[in-house]
Amino acid sequence: MKSTNRKIVQFIRDNWVIPADNNSLFAKEHSIDEKTVRRIKDDNDYQIALITIMRICEARNLKLYEFFKMVGV
């Protein structure tokens, strides 16, 4: 389970957070707290919540199954 969580966090970090290059803007656009964005970006042990994934997917007009398929889990 931990490796699945890590895969999800790394996908979000590498594909969306780092390219956005602005934690505040990413947080605002995805209806999540900036502290959460910092954790995704910097905390190697961060356990991402399903509600956070859902908010990010909603902001990106993705269904959960589409997101998990992209991540490969």
Protein backbone atom coordinates (compact mmCIF):
# COMPACT_ATOMS: atom_id res chain seq x y z
CA MET A 1 0.00 0.00 0.00
CA LYS A 2 2.82 2.39 0.85
CA SER A 3 4.38 1.97 -2.58
CA THR A 4 1.01 2.74 -4.20
CA ASN A 5 0.69 5.91 -2.14
CA ARG A 6 4.25 6.90 -3.08
CA LYS A 7 3.50 6.31 -6.76
CA ILE A 8 0.43 8.57 -6.57
CA VAL A 9 2.25 11.36 -4.72
CA GLN A 10 5.23 11.21 -7.09
CA PHE A 11 2.94 11.33 -10.13
CA ILE A 12 1.14 14.42 -8.85
CA ARG A 13 4.43 16.05 -7.83
CA ASP A 14 6.34 15.33 -11.03
CA ASN A 15 3.56 15.98 -13.52
CA TRP A 16 1.57 18.80 -11.97
CA VAL A 17 3.10 20.44 -8.87
CA ILE A 18 6.69 20.96 -10.01
CA PRO A 19 5.75 22.19 -13.51
CA ALA A 20 3.25 24.62 -11.96
CA ASP A 21 6.18 26.21 -10.07
CA ASN A 22 3.83 28.11 -7.74
CA ASN A 23 2.52 26.30 -4.67
CA SER A 24 -0.06 28.96 -3.79
CA LEU A 25 -1.56 29.04 -7.26
CA PHE A 26 -1.64 25.25 -7.53
CA ALA A 27 -3.35 25.02 -4.14
CA LYS A 28 -5.95 27.64 -5.06
CA GLU A 29 -6.70 26.14 -8.47
CA HIS A 30 -7.12 22.66 -6.98
CA SER A 31 -9.06 23.61 -3.82
CA ILE A 32 -6.41 22.26 -1.46
CA ASP A 33 -4.28 23.83 1.23
CA GLU A 34 -0.85 25.18 0.33
CA LYS A 35 0.61 23.08 3.16
CA THR A 36 -0.67 20.00 1.33
CA VAL A 37 1.09 21.11 -1.83
CA ARG A 38 4.35 21.54 0.11
CA ARG A 39 3.93 18.06 1.56
CA ILE A 40 3.34 16.56 -1.88
CA LYS A 41 6.42 18.35 -3.14
CA ASP A 42 8.84 17.80 -0.24
CA ASP A 43 7.67 15.09 2.20
CA ASN A 44 8.80 11.61 1.15
CA ASP A 45 6.52 10.01 3.73
CA TYR A 46 3.37 11.99 2.94
CA GLN A 47 0.19 9.88 2.96
CA ILE A 48 -2.15 11.59 0.51
CA ALA A 49 -5.84 11.59 1.40
CA LEU A 50 -8.51 10.41 -1.01
CA ILE A 51 -10.30 13.78 -0.70
CA THR A 52 -7.10 15.51 -1.89
CA ILE A 53 -6.89 13.22 -4.91
CA MET A 54 -10.57 13.83 -5.63
CA ARG A 55 -10.15 17.62 -5.48
CA ILE A 56 -7.14 17.53 -7.78
CA CYS A 57 -9.00 15.28 -10.23
CA GLU A 58 -12.07 17.51 -10.14
CA ALA A 59 -9.98 20.59 -10.89
CA ARG A 60 -8.39 18.76 -13.82
CA ASN A 61 -11.70 17.33 -15.06
CA LEU A 62 -10.54 13.79 -14.50
CA LYS A 63 -12.55 10.86 -13.23
CA LEU A 64 -10.84 8.94 -10.44
CA TYR A 65 -10.50 5.84 -12.59
CA GLU A 66 -8.81 7.93 -15.32
CA PHE A 67 -6.35 9.32 -12.78
CA PHE A 68 -5.49 5.89 -11.36
CA LYS A 69 -5.07 4.55 -14.87
CA MET A 70 -2.64 7.41 -15.66
CA VAL A 71 -0.68 6.64 -12.49
CA GLY A 72 -0.70 2.92 -13.22
CA VAL A 73 -2.29 1.69 -10.03
